Amino acid sequence: MFLESNLKIRGELYIPIALHLLSKEDNIKSIKKVYSHRQALAQCKTFLLEKIPQAKLVEVESTAKAAELASKEKGAAAVASEIAALEYDLNILEKNIQETSLNYTRFLVLSKKDAENPTGNDKTSIIFSVKHTPGALFKALRPFALYDVNLTKLESRPIKNKPFKYIFFCDFEGHRKDKKIQKLLQELKEEVSYLHILGSYPKADMNVGEENE
């Protein structure tokens, strides 16, 4: 999306995710098939294998789609949210079946402008591609070590309609207006074939381990 849009990242949110086993059935022993998104199935794998080993696990595009399918099929269940249970009139057979309570999904706040003023506790997101030469990625990452900047995320994705070529998504601590970040980005620009700043914004706090007041 970011390759085809001028939108900027203005903020981020971490939302705790609770996953439940939903079905029209009343008994978990009746479940023969479980639908869900690939990631949700992975997060609940231990429960599913231990409690309903007979069930076939089927990946679909979203947990909402899983709930929709489960609502129409006898003996089917979905791994999805409580909202999905209400939307599709499903019974919650088991609650909170994810393997960890520290289960968060990150959401980005998009706008035509990013958060222009540094707060002192910021994050910057960029995308870049490297030259097709030996050591290209190493050279691209070297400025982060040189300026002692912490990378919080680095992942590669294939570029659409360009076989065997990849774009890198990168998050790191600091604001694009910080002096050392400006120097870092300038050196990075000299090492890569493409660089686009997605935005600088305040870092979100997941409040992990804190009790709700």
Foldseek 3Di string as FASTA:
>chain_A
DVVPDLKFFAAKDKDFDKKFKWAQDPDPQLAAEEEAAPVLCVQLVVVCCVPPVNHHYDHDDHQLVRLVVRLVDGNYIYTHGPVSCVVSVIDGNGIRRGPDRPHIDMDTDIDSAYNPDDDPAKKWKKKFFFDPDPCLVVQLCVLCVVLVKAWPDWDWDDDPPDPPGIMIITMITDACPDPSNVVSVVSNVVRTPDMDIRYMYHYDDPCPPDDDD
